[in-house]
C-alpha atoms as a PDB file:
ATOM      1  CA  MET A   1      36.579   3.599   5.798  1.00  0.00           C
ATOM      2  CA  ARG A   2      33.814   3.093   8.358  1.00  0.00           C
ATOM      3  CA  GLN A   3      32.564   0.003   6.567  1.00  0.00           C
ATOM      4  CA  ALA A   4      35.981  -1.703   6.641  1.00  0.00           C
ATOM      5  CA  PRO A   5      35.548  -3.377  10.078  1.00  0.00           C
ATOM      6  CA  ILE A   6      32.169  -4.783   9.009  1.00  0.00           C
ATOM      7  CA  VAL A   7      33.543  -6.153   5.745  1.00  0.00           C
ATOM      8  CA  ILE A   8      36.556  -7.659   7.537  1.00  0.00           C
ATOM      9  CA  ALA A   9      34.316  -9.223  10.191  1.00  0.00           C
ATOM     10  CA  VAL A  10      31.971 -10.691   7.555  1.00  0.00           C
ATOM     11  CA  TYR A  11      34.789 -12.141   5.472  1.00  0.00           C
ATOM     12  CA  ALA A  12      36.649 -13.494   8.515  1.00  0.00           C
ATOM     13  CA  THR A  13      33.466 -15.188   9.732  1.00  0.00           C
ATOM     14  CA  LEU A  14      32.943 -16.680   6.288  1.00  0.00           C
ATOM     15  CA  ALA A  15      36.514 -18.004   6.195  1.00  0.00           C
ATOM     16  CA  ILE A  16      36.056 -19.755   9.552  1.00  0.00           C
ATOM     17  CA  THR A  17      32.569 -21.145   8.893  1.00  0.00           C
ATOM     18  CA  LEU A  18      33.352 -22.258   5.350  1.00  0.00           C
ATOM     19  CA  GLY A  19      36.728 -23.642   6.374  1.00  0.00           C
ATOM     20  CA  GLY A  20      35.292 -25.446   9.371  1.00  0.00           C
ATOM     21  CA  GLN A  21      32.618 -27.111   7.257  1.00  0.00           C
ATOM     22  CA  TRP A  22      35.164 -29.422   5.648  1.00  0.00           C
ATOM     23  CA  ILE A  23      36.457 -30.578   9.021  1.00  0.00           C
ATOM     24  CA  ALA A  24      32.947 -31.117  10.381  1.00  0.00           C
ATOM     25  CA  ALA A  25      31.868 -32.852   7.177  1.00  0.00           C
ATOM     26  CA  LYS A  26      34.891 -35.145   7.180  1.00  0.00           C
ATOM     27  CA  LEU A  27      34.224 -36.152  10.782  1.00  0.00           C
ATOM     28  CA  GLY A  28      30.586 -36.770   9.885  1.00  0.00           C
ATOM     29  CA  VAL A  29      31.032 -38.776   6.673  1.00  0.00           C
ATOM     30  CA  ASN A  30      33.488 -41.060   8.425  1.00  0.00           C
ATOM     31  CA  ALA A  31      30.638 -42.143  10.725  1.00  0.00           C
ATOM     32  CA  VAL A  32      27.398 -41.896   8.687  1.00  0.00           C
ATOM     33  CA  PRO A  33      26.366 -41.911   4.994  1.00  0.00           C
ATOM     34  CA  ALA A  34      27.379 -38.691   3.264  1.00  0.00           C
ATOM     35  CA  LEU A  35      23.967 -37.955   1.738  1.00  0.00           C
ATOM     36  CA  GLU A  36      22.239 -38.546   5.059  1.00  0.00           C
ATOM     37  CA  LEU A  37      24.551 -36.095   6.823  1.00  0.00           C
ATOM     38  CA  SER A  38      24.043 -33.535   4.064  1.00  0.00           C
ATOM     39  CA  THR A  39      20.263 -33.810   4.355  1.00  0.00           C
ATOM     40  CA  MET A  40      20.364 -33.379   8.122  1.00  0.00           C
ATOM     41  CA  ARG A  41      22.603 -30.338   7.697  1.00  0.00           C
ATOM     42  CA  PHE A  42      19.956 -28.560   5.671  1.00  0.00           C
ATOM     43  CA  ALA A  43      17.076 -29.759   7.805  1.00  0.00           C
ATOM     44  CA  ILE A  44      18.746 -28.113  10.812  1.00  0.00           C
ATOM     45  CA  ALA A  45      19.478 -24.964   8.785  1.00  0.00           C
ATOM     46  CA  SER A  46      15.857 -24.788   7.615  1.00  0.00           C
ATOM     47  CA  GLY A  47      14.645 -24.652  11.209  1.00  0.00           C
ATOM     48  CA  VAL A  48      17.179 -21.987  12.187  1.00  0.00           C
ATOM     49  CA  LEU A  49      16.397 -19.790   9.176  1.00  0.00           C
ATOM     50  CA  LEU A  50      12.620 -20.070   9.630  1.00  0.00           C
ATOM     51  CA  VAL A  51      13.016 -18.900  13.233  1.00  0.00           C
ATOM     52  CA  ALA A  52      15.187 -16.005  12.022  1.00  0.00           C
ATOM     53  CA  CYS A  53      12.523 -14.996   9.487  1.00  0.00           C
ATOM     54  CA  ALA A  54       9.823 -15.166  12.147  1.00  0.00           C
ATOM     55  CA  ILE A  55      11.812 -13.027  14.590  1.00  0.00           C
ATOM     56  CA  THR A  56      12.747 -10.413  11.984  1.00  0.00           C
ATOM     57  CA  ARG A  57       9.364 -10.634  10.202  1.00  0.00           C
ATOM     58  CA  THR A  58      11.139 -11.230   6.911  1.00  0.00           C
ATOM     59  CA  PRO A  59       8.805 -12.415   4.113  1.00  0.00           C
ATOM     60  CA  ILE A  60       9.713 -15.499   2.099  1.00  0.00           C
ATOM     61  CA  PRO A  61       9.558 -14.722  -1.657  1.00  0.00           C
ATOM     62  CA  LEU A  62       7.241 -17.564  -2.664  1.00  0.00           C
ATOM     63  CA  HIS A  63       6.417 -15.832  -5.953  1.00  0.00           C
ATOM     64  CA  ARG A  64      10.058 -16.267  -7.080  1.00  0.00           C
ATOM     65  CA  TRP A  65       9.980 -20.030  -6.628  1.00  0.00           C
ATOM     66  CA  ARG A  66      11.227 -20.840 -10.140  1.00  0.00           C
ATOM     67  CA  PRO A  67      14.660 -19.164 -10.045  1.00  0.00           C
ATOM     68  CA  ILE A  68      15.081 -19.985  -6.353  1.00  0.00           C
ATOM     69  CA  ALA A  69      14.305 -23.643  -7.050  1.00  0.00           C
ATOM     70  CA  ALA A  70      16.987 -23.572  -9.757  1.00  0.00           C
ATOM     71  CA  ALA A  71      19.440 -22.041  -7.284  1.00  0.00           C
ATOM     72  CA  ALA A  72      18.548 -24.750  -4.740  1.00  0.00           C
ATOM     73  CA  ALA A  73      19.032 -27.494  -7.317  1.00  0.00           C
ATOM     74  CA  CYS A  74      22.523 -26.177  -8.028  1.00  0.00           C
ATOM     75  CA  GLY A  75      23.675 -24.800  -4.676  1.00  0.00           C
ATOM     76  CA  VAL A  76      22.048 -27.281  -2.292  1.00  0.00           C
ATOM     77  CA  LEU A  77      21.306 -30.513  -4.156  1.00  0.00           C
ATOM     78  CA  GLY A  78      24.143 -30.370  -6.682  1.00  0.00           C
ATOM     79  CA  PHE A  79      26.803 -28.844  -4.463  1.00  0.00           C
ATOM     80  CA  ASN A  80      26.205 -30.957  -1.377  1.00  0.00           C
ATOM     81  CA  THR A  81      25.666 -34.250  -3.169  1.00  0.00           C
ATOM     82  CA  LEU A  82      28.922 -33.906  -5.077  1.00  0.00           C
ATOM     83  CA  ALA A  83      30.875 -32.300  -2.238  1.00  0.00           C
ATOM     84  CA  PHE A  84      29.892 -34.746   0.512  1.00  0.00           C
ATOM     85  CA  VAL A  85      30.191 -37.887  -1.612  1.00  0.00           C
ATOM     86  CA  GLY A  86      33.500 -36.586  -2.942  1.00  0.00           C
ATOM     87  CA  LEU A  87      34.674 -35.894   0.589  1.00  0.00           C
ATOM     88  CA  SER A  88      34.149 -39.560   1.471  1.00  0.00           C
ATOM     89  CA  ARG A  89      36.697 -40.375  -1.251  1.00  0.00           C
ATOM     90  CA  THR A  90      39.281 -37.635  -0.783  1.00  0.00           C
ATOM     91  CA  PRO A  91      40.944 -35.844   2.166  1.00  0.00           C
ATOM     92  CA  ALA A  92      39.449 -32.675   3.605  1.00  0.00           C
ATOM     93  CA  SER A  93      42.632 -30.844   2.600  1.00  0.00           C
ATOM     94  CA  ASP A  94      41.915 -31.589  -1.101  1.00  0.00           C
ATOM     95  CA  SER A  95      38.368 -30.304  -0.755  1.00  0.00           C
ATOM     96  CA  ALA A  96      39.602 -27.210   1.059  1.00  0.00           C
ATOM     97  CA  LEU A  97      41.929 -26.333  -1.789  1.00  0.00           C
ATOM     98  CA  ILE A  98      39.823 -27.304  -4.790  1.00  0.00           C
ATOM     99  CA  ILE A  99      36.328 -26.035  -3.983  1.00  0.00           C
ATOM    100  CA  PRO A 100      36.978 -22.578  -2.461  1.00  0.00           C
ATOM    101  CA  THR A 101      39.489 -21.683  -5.141  1.00  0.00           C
ATOM    102  CA  THR A 102      37.516 -23.000  -8.115  1.00  0.00           C
ATOM    103  CA  ILE A 103      34.304 -21.182  -7.162  1.00  0.00           C
ATOM    104  CA  PRO A 104      35.584 -17.672  -8.068  1.00  0.00           C
ATOM    105  CA  MET A 105      36.692 -18.808 -11.523  1.00  0.00           C
ATOM    106  CA  ALA A 106      33.441 -20.582 -12.317  1.00  0.00           C
ATOM    107  CA  THR A 107      31.333 -17.765 -10.856  1.00  0.00           C
ATOM    108  CA  ALA A 108      33.061 -15.108 -12.944  1.00  0.00           C
ATOM    109  CA  LEU A 109      32.395 -17.116 -16.089  1.00  0.00           C
ATOM    110  CA  PHE A 110      28.722 -17.645 -15.191  1.00  0.00           C
ATOM    111  CA  ALA A 111      28.399 -13.983 -14.204  1.00  0.00           C
ATOM    112  CA  THR A 112      29.115 -12.898 -17.773  1.00  0.00           C
ATOM    113  CA  LEU A 113      25.615 -14.186 -18.533  1.00  0.00           C
ATOM    114  CA  ILE A 114      24.186 -11.463 -16.284  1.00  0.00           C
ATOM    115  CA  HIS A 115      26.472  -8.799 -17.744  1.00  0.00           C
ATOM    116  CA  GLU A 116      29.225  -8.776 -15.122  1.00  0.00           C
ATOM    117  CA  ARG A 117      32.387  -7.858 -16.999  1.00  0.00           C
ATOM    118  CA  LEU A 118      35.054 -10.515 -17.613  1.00  0.00           C
ATOM    119  CA  THR A 119      38.335  -8.655 -18.208  1.00  0.00           C
ATOM    120  CA  SER A 120      41.601  -9.939 -19.629  1.00  0.00           C
ATOM    121  CA  ARG A 121      43.152  -9.583 -16.162  1.00  0.00           C
ATOM    122  CA  LYS A 122      40.466 -11.867 -14.732  1.00  0.00           C
ATOM    123  CA  LEU A 123      41.009 -14.395 -17.503  1.00  0.00           C
ATOM    124  CA  PHE A 124      44.750 -14.452 -16.826  1.00  0.00           C
ATOM    125  CA  GLY A 125      44.205 -14.812 -13.105  1.00  0.00           C
ATOM    126  CA  PHE A 126      41.749 -17.651 -13.596  1.00  0.00           C
ATOM    127  CA  ALA A 127      44.178 -19.424 -15.932  1.00  0.00           C
ATOM    128  CA  VAL A 128      46.848 -19.262 -13.224  1.00  0.00           C
ATOM    129  CA  ALA A 129      44.373 -20.512 -10.615  1.00  0.00           C
ATOM    130  CA  THR A 130      43.330 -23.382 -12.886  1.00  0.00           C
ATOM    131  CA  LEU A 131      46.960 -24.435 -13.104  1.00  0.00           C
ATOM    132  CA  GLY A 132      47.095 -24.390  -9.316  1.00  0.00           C
ATOM    133  CA  ALA A 133      43.997 -26.599  -9.055  1.00  0.00           C
ATOM    134  CA  ALA A 134      45.633 -29.073 -11.435  1.00  0.00           C
ATOM    135  CA  LEU A 135      48.734 -29.152  -9.200  1.00  0.00           C
ATOM    136  CA  VAL A 136      46.592 -29.873  -6.146  1.00  0.00           C
ATOM    137  CA  ILE A 137      44.962 -32.842  -7.852  1.00  0.00           C
ATOM    138  CA  VAL A 138      48.198 -34.204  -9.352  1.00  0.00           C
ATOM    139  CA  GLY A 139      49.934 -33.793  -5.994  1.00  0.00           C
ATOM    140  CA  GLY A 140      47.250 -35.872  -4.324  1.00  0.00           C
ATOM    141  CA  GLN A 141      47.687 -38.656  -6.866  1.00  0.00           C
ATOM    142  CA  GLN A 142      51.444 -38.773  -6.253  1.00  0.00           C
ATOM    143  CA  GLY A 143      50.877 -39.050  -2.534  1.00  0.00           C
ATOM    144  CA  GLU A 144      48.631 -42.096  -2.979  1.00  0.00           C
ATOM    145  CA  GLY A 145      51.294 -43.963  -4.926  1.00  0.00           C
ATOM    146  CA  GLY A 146      48.871 -45.153  -7.609  1.00  0.00           C
ATOM    147  CA  GLY A 147      46.373 -47.991  -7.522  1.00  0.00           C
ATOM    148  CA  GLU A 148      42.776 -48.116  -6.318  1.00  0.00           C
ATOM    149  CA  SER A 149      43.316 -45.530  -3.577  1.00  0.00           C
ATOM    150  CA  SER A 150      44.712 -43.027  -6.080  1.00  0.00           C
ATOM    151  CA  THR A 151      41.793 -43.608  -8.457  1.00  0.00           C
ATOM    152  CA  MET A 152      39.287 -43.075  -5.637  1.00  0.00           C
ATOM    153  CA  ARG A 153      40.997 -39.830  -4.649  1.00  0.00           C
ATOM    154  CA  LEU A 154      40.954 -38.618  -8.255  1.00  0.00           C
ATOM    155  CA  GLY A 155      37.239 -39.358  -8.472  1.00  0.00           C
ATOM    156  CA  GLY A 156      36.661 -37.459  -5.243  1.00  0.00           C
ATOM    157  CA  ASP A 157      38.661 -34.475  -6.490  1.00  0.00           C
ATOM    158  CA  LEU A 158      36.648 -34.358  -9.708  1.00  0.00           C
ATOM    159  CA  MET A 159      33.426 -34.430  -7.683  1.00  0.00           C
ATOM    160  CA  GLU A 160      34.691 -31.456  -5.689  1.00  0.00           C
ATOM    161  CA  LEU A 161      35.295 -29.571  -8.944  1.00  0.00           C
ATOM    162  CA  GLY A 162      31.745 -30.346 -10.005  1.00  0.00           C
ATOM    163  CA  ALA A 163      30.453 -29.163  -6.623  1.00  0.00           C
ATOM    164  CA  ALA A 164      32.285 -25.844  -7.010  1.00  0.00           C
ATOM    165  CA  THR A 165      30.739 -25.343 -10.450  1.00  0.00           C
ATOM    166  CA  ALA A 166      27.256 -26.036  -9.081  1.00  0.00           C
ATOM    167  CA  TRP A 167      27.739 -23.500  -6.264  1.00  0.00           C
ATOM    168  CA  ALA A 168      28.980 -20.907  -8.757  1.00  0.00           C
ATOM    169  CA  ALA A 169      25.804 -21.352 -10.794  1.00  0.00           C
ATOM    170  CA  SER A 170      23.736 -20.882  -7.630  1.00  0.00           C
ATOM    171  CA  LEU A 171      25.600 -17.656  -6.782  1.00  0.00           C
ATOM    172  CA  THR A 172      24.900 -16.280 -10.240  1.00  0.00           C
ATOM    173  CA  ILE A 173      21.180 -17.043  -9.997  1.00  0.00           C
ATOM    174  CA  GLY A 174      21.173 -15.482  -6.538  1.00  0.00           C
ATOM    175  CA  ALA A 175      22.726 -12.289  -7.855  1.00  0.00           C
ATOM    176  CA  VAL A 176      19.713 -11.837 -10.156  1.00  0.00           C
ATOM    177  CA  VAL A 177      17.000 -12.690  -7.612  1.00  0.00           C
ATOM    178  CA  LEU A 178      18.567 -10.536  -4.875  1.00  0.00           C
ATOM    179  CA  ARG A 179      18.153  -7.422  -6.979  1.00  0.00           C
ATOM    180  CA  ARG A 180      14.572  -7.336  -5.673  1.00  0.00           C
ATOM    181  CA  GLU A 181      14.414  -9.742  -2.707  1.00  0.00           C
ATOM    182  CA  THR A 182      15.855  -9.762   0.819  1.00  0.00           C
ATOM    183  CA  VAL A 183      18.900 -11.901   1.551  1.00  0.00           C
ATOM    184  CA  LEU A 184      17.357 -13.727   4.518  1.00  0.00           C
ATOM    185  CA  GLY A 185      14.097 -14.479   2.697  1.00  0.00           C
ATOM    186  CA  TYR A 186      15.951 -15.729  -0.371  1.00  0.00           C
ATOM    187  CA  VAL A 187      18.355 -17.950   1.573  1.00  0.00           C
ATOM    188  CA  THR A 188      15.553 -19.401   3.710  1.00  0.00           C
ATOM    189  CA  PHE A 189      13.436 -20.341   0.696  1.00  0.00           C
ATOM    190  CA  MET A 190      16.447 -21.772  -1.161  1.00  0.00           C
ATOM    191  CA  VAL A 191      17.435 -23.919   1.828  1.00  0.00           C
ATOM    192  CA  LEU A 192      13.847 -25.145   2.324  1.00  0.00           C
ATOM    193  CA  ILE A 193      13.575 -26.216  -1.329  1.00  0.00           C
ATOM    194  CA  GLY A 194      17.054 -27.740  -1.196  1.00  0.00           C
ATOM    195  CA  THR A 195      16.154 -29.780   1.875  1.00  0.00           C
ATOM    196  CA  ALA A 196      13.089 -31.155   0.106  1.00  0.00           C
ATOM    197  CA  LEU A 197      15.260 -32.114  -2.878  1.00  0.00           C
ATOM    198  CA  LEU A 198      17.831 -33.835  -0.659  1.00  0.00           C
ATOM    199  CA  LEU A 199      15.360 -35.846   1.442  1.00  0.00           C
ATOM    200  CA  PRO A 200      14.876 -38.698  -1.088  1.00  0.00           C
ATOM    201  CA  LEU A 201      18.626 -39.007  -1.697  1.00  0.00           C
ATOM    202  CA  GLY A 202      19.390 -39.005   2.019  1.00  0.00           C
ATOM    203  CA  ALA A 203      16.994 -41.926   2.446  1.00  0.00           C
ATOM    204  CA  LEU A 204      18.808 -44.114  -0.087  1.00  0.00           C
ATOM    205  CA  PRO A 205      21.570 -45.530   2.158  1.00  0.00           C
ATOM    206  CA  GLN A 206      19.574 -46.582   5.249  1.00  0.00           C
ATOM    207  CA  ALA A 207      16.246 -44.705   5.072  1.00  0.00           C
ATOM    208  CA  TYR A 208      17.352 -42.687   8.128  1.00  0.00           C
ATOM    209  CA  ARG A 209      16.960 -45.791  10.355  1.00  0.00           C
ATOM    210  CA  ASP A 210      20.459 -45.335  11.745  1.00  0.00           C
ATOM    211  CA  MET A 211      19.908 -41.808  13.059  1.00  0.00           C
ATOM    212  CA  PRO A 212      19.051 -42.929  16.633  1.00  0.00           C
ATOM    213  CA  THR A 213      22.519 -44.496  16.791  1.00  0.00           C
ATOM    214  CA  TRP A 214      24.413 -41.355  15.755  1.00  0.00           C
ATOM    215  CA  GLY A 215      27.110 -40.447  18.244  1.00  0.00           C
ATOM    216  CA  THR A 216      27.689 -37.094  19.926  1.00  0.00           C
ATOM    217  CA  GLU A 217      30.523 -36.204  17.538  1.00  0.00           C
ATOM    218  CA  THR A 218      28.295 -36.808  14.512  1.00  0.00           C
ATOM    219  CA  TRP A 219      25.466 -34.663  15.880  1.00  0.00           C
ATOM    220  CA  LEU A 220      27.927 -31.903  16.758  1.00  0.00           C
ATOM    221  CA  ALA A 221      29.254 -32.047  13.190  1.00  0.00           C
ATOM    222  CA  ALA A 222      25.725 -31.878  11.764  1.00  0.00           C
ATOM    223  CA  GLY A 223      24.843 -29.022  14.122  1.00  0.00           C
ATOM    224  CA  PHE A 224      27.922 -27.005  13.149  1.00  0.00           C
ATOM    225  CA  LEU A 225      27.189 -27.577   9.470  1.00  0.00           C
ATOM    226  CA  GLY A 226      23.544 -26.581   9.832  1.00  0.00           C
ATOM    227  CA  VAL A 227      23.900 -23.553  12.091  1.00  0.00           C
ATOM    228  CA  PHE A 228      27.240 -22.024  11.164  1.00  0.00           C
ATOM    229  CA  SER A 229      28.301 -23.391   7.758  1.00  0.00           C
ATOM    230  CA  THR A 230      24.785 -22.998   6.304  1.00  0.00           C
ATOM    231  CA  SER A 231      22.537 -20.575   8.212  1.00  0.00           C
ATOM    232  CA  VAL A 232      25.259 -18.050   9.061  1.00  0.00           C
ATOM    233  CA  ALA A 233      27.559 -18.588   6.095  1.00  0.00           C
ATOM    234  CA  PHE A 234      24.849 -18.594   3.420  1.00  0.00           C
ATOM    235  CA  VAL A 235      23.287 -15.367   4.678  1.00  0.00           C
ATOM    236  CA  LEU A 236      26.678 -13.629   4.801  1.00  0.00           C
ATOM    237  CA  PHE A 237      27.730 -15.054   1.438  1.00  0.00           C
ATOM    238  CA  PHE A 238      24.599 -13.913  -0.353  1.00  0.00           C
ATOM    239  CA  TRP A 239      24.801 -10.551   1.421  1.00  0.00           C
ATOM    240  CA  ALA A 240      28.188 -10.170  -0.280  1.00  0.00           C
ATOM    241  CA  VAL A 241      26.631 -11.259  -3.605  1.00  0.00           C
ATOM    242  CA  HIS A 242      23.922  -8.640  -3.162  1.00  0.00           C
ATOM    243  CA  ARG A 243      26.472  -5.943  -2.277  1.00  0.00           C
ATOM    244  CA  TYR A 244      29.340  -6.619  -4.685  1.00  0.00           C
ATOM    245  CA  GLY A 245      28.034  -8.943  -7.403  1.00  0.00           C
ATOM    246  CA  ALA A 246      28.531 -12.683  -7.830  1.00  0.00           C
ATOM    247  CA  SER A 247      32.084 -12.729  -9.177  1.00  0.00           C
ATOM    248  CA  LEU A 248      33.574 -10.370  -6.581  1.00  0.00           C
ATOM    249  CA  ALA A 249      31.712 -11.954  -3.665  1.00  0.00           C
ATOM    250  CA  ALA A 250      33.010 -15.376  -4.689  1.00  0.00           C
ATOM    251  CA  MET A 251      36.564 -14.123  -4.147  1.00  0.00           C
ATOM    252  CA  VAL A 252      36.071 -14.485  -0.394  1.00  0.00           C
ATOM    253  CA  THR A 253      36.419 -18.223  -0.811  1.00  0.00           C
ATOM    254  CA  TYR A 254      40.158 -17.915  -1.432  1.00  0.00           C
ATOM    255  CA  LEU A 255      40.502 -17.157   2.286  1.00  0.00           C
ATOM    256  CA  THR A 256      39.061 -20.561   3.144  1.00  0.00           C
ATOM    257  CA  PRO A 257      41.898 -22.978   2.221  1.00  0.00           C
ATOM    258  CA  ILE A 258      44.345 -21.556   4.738  1.00  0.00           C
ATOM    259  CA  ALA A 259      41.889 -21.956   7.604  1.00  0.00           C
ATOM    260  CA  THR A 260      40.876 -25.442   6.501  1.00  0.00           C
ATOM    261  CA  LEU A 261      44.381 -26.772   5.982  1.00  0.00           C
ATOM    262  CA  VAL A 262      45.364 -25.610   9.469  1.00  0.00           C
ATOM    263  CA  LEU A 263      42.221 -27.145  10.989  1.00  0.00           C
ATOM    264  CA  ALA A 264      42.685 -30.384   9.019  1.00  0.00           C
ATOM    265  CA  PHE A 265      46.243 -30.638  10.324  1.00  0.00           C
ATOM    266  CA  LEU A 266      45.271 -29.901  13.931  1.00  0.00           C
ATOM    267  CA  ILE A 267      42.046 -31.922  14.130  1.00  0.00           C
ATOM    268  CA  LEU A 268      42.282 -34.647  11.482  1.00  0.00           C
ATOM    269  CA  ASP A 269      46.085 -34.968  11.321  1.00  0.00           C
ATOM    270  CA  GLU A 270      45.902 -34.635   7.524  1.00  0.00           C
ATOM    271  CA  ARG A 271      49.169 -33.371   6.104  1.00  0.00           C
ATOM    272  CA  PRO A 272      49.002 -31.681   2.692  1.00  0.00           C
ATOM    273  CA  LEU A 273      51.713 -32.774   0.300  1.00  0.00           C
ATOM    274  CA  PRO A 274      54.371 -30.270  -0.891  1.00  0.00           C
ATOM    275  CA  LEU A 275      53.038 -30.128  -4.467  1.00  0.00           C
ATOM    276  CA  GLN A 276      49.561 -29.452  -3.085  1.00  0.00           C
ATOM    277  CA  LEU A 277      50.883 -26.531  -1.057  1.00  0.00           C
ATOM    278  CA  VAL A 278      52.540 -25.168  -4.190  1.00  0.00           C
ATOM    279  CA  GLY A 279      49.268 -25.616  -6.059  1.00  0.00           C
ATOM    280  CA  GLY A 280      47.367 -23.827  -3.298  1.00  0.00           C
ATOM    281  CA  ALA A 281      49.790 -20.895  -3.454  1.00  0.00           C
ATOM    282  CA  VAL A 282      49.431 -20.701  -7.242  1.00  0.00           C
ATOM    283  CA  ILE A 283      45.636 -20.715  -6.911  1.00  0.00           C
ATOM    284  CA  VAL A 284      45.707 -17.853  -4.409  1.00  0.00           C
ATOM    285  CA  VAL A 285      48.013 -15.824  -6.689  1.00  0.00           C
ATOM    286  CA  GLY A 286      45.691 -16.417  -9.633  1.00  0.00           C
ATOM    287  CA  VAL A 287      42.553 -15.417  -7.760  1.00  0.00           C
ATOM    288  CA  ARG A 288      44.234 -12.312  -6.350  1.00  0.00           C
ATOM    289  CA  LEU A 289      45.267 -11.304  -9.864  1.00  0.00           C
ATOM    290  CA  ALA A 290      41.693 -11.742 -11.030  1.00  0.00           C
ATOM    291  CA  ALA A 291      40.337  -9.646  -8.140  1.00  0.00           C
ATOM    292  CA  ARG A 292      42.993  -6.938  -8.223  1.00  0.00           C
ATOM    293  CA  ARG A 293      41.070  -4.339 -10.213  1.00  0.00           C
ATOM    294  CA  SER A 294      38.005  -4.713  -7.988  1.00  0.00           C
ATOM    295  CA  ARG A 295      39.646  -3.647  -4.721  1.00  0.00           C
ATOM    296  CA  ALA A 296      38.676  -0.021  -5.102  1.00  0.00           C
ATOM    297  CA  ALA A 297      35.083  -0.949  -5.731  1.00  0.00           C
ATOM    298  CA  LEU A 298      35.080  -3.136  -2.647  1.00  0.00           C
ATOM    299  CA  GLY A 299      36.298  -0.323  -0.449  1.00  0.00           C
ATOM    300  CA  GLN A 300      33.774   2.154  -1.852  1.00  0.00           C
ATOM    301  CA  ALA A 301      30.665  -0.005  -1.683  1.00  0.00           C
ATOM    302  CA  PRO A 302      28.089   0.949   0.933  1.00  0.00           C
ATOM    303  CA  VAL A 303      27.481  -1.580   3.652  1.00  0.00           C
ATOM    304  CA  THR A 304      24.083  -2.535   5.037  1.00  0.00           C
ATOM    305  CA  ILE A 305      23.203  -5.897   6.504  1.00  0.00           C
END
């Protein structure tokens, strides 16, 4: 029982930092190009993580560059390109419901490739959660009333689904690499490679010429994304992957929608539609069903950070 406060603190911090990223990102993409903001997010995180490695004298696993580059291509380039561009087309509340609740399903499926067991209970839970994700998307289309706006929102929602799948692939790769490497060293190297991959895409809109004109709100959004939603959240997330495996660690993301929907309502005045709330509830039920048999393992696992 001694590890319970640590686990609760880690998961609560993840819920806040991962939930807050959608609010910060929405504020940012409303002011600057999405890919440019995403690149700056990881540039800031790279600096923070390198300082952390220097202070803790944590080695960067350069010899594992191949799998870590693959994880960066999925979890940094793929996830952020799809998520941020999608967020410019759909409300933060859609992103908050679709991405955090799709990740556990996709991760569990990918994790079967590294011999994590996929039980019938998990399959049933993921089927229920998939139904919930469909309700979220359909609910958003009804709220738009059809037309070009509805089509744009649908495209954004589909991008968010793709982003969740890319992050799930990154988690699965991370589960393999972290069997022998430190969490901080792995995350730092992944973020550095991801930043290098994002730099050319971030230059496409305006070649970074507009950065001197960024306002205070935009820089605060980029700073929150880089420090808290990347540096802090990624280290904690991959710590959970290292401790509990990819599929169980991904379950923490089902805590995120509640925090994000509340923040989106308070800060962005975005009101989720009734069918979306129903869909969100169905997703949570499905993910909880899938995770139910793993609770005992979670409580028994040793905790070291």
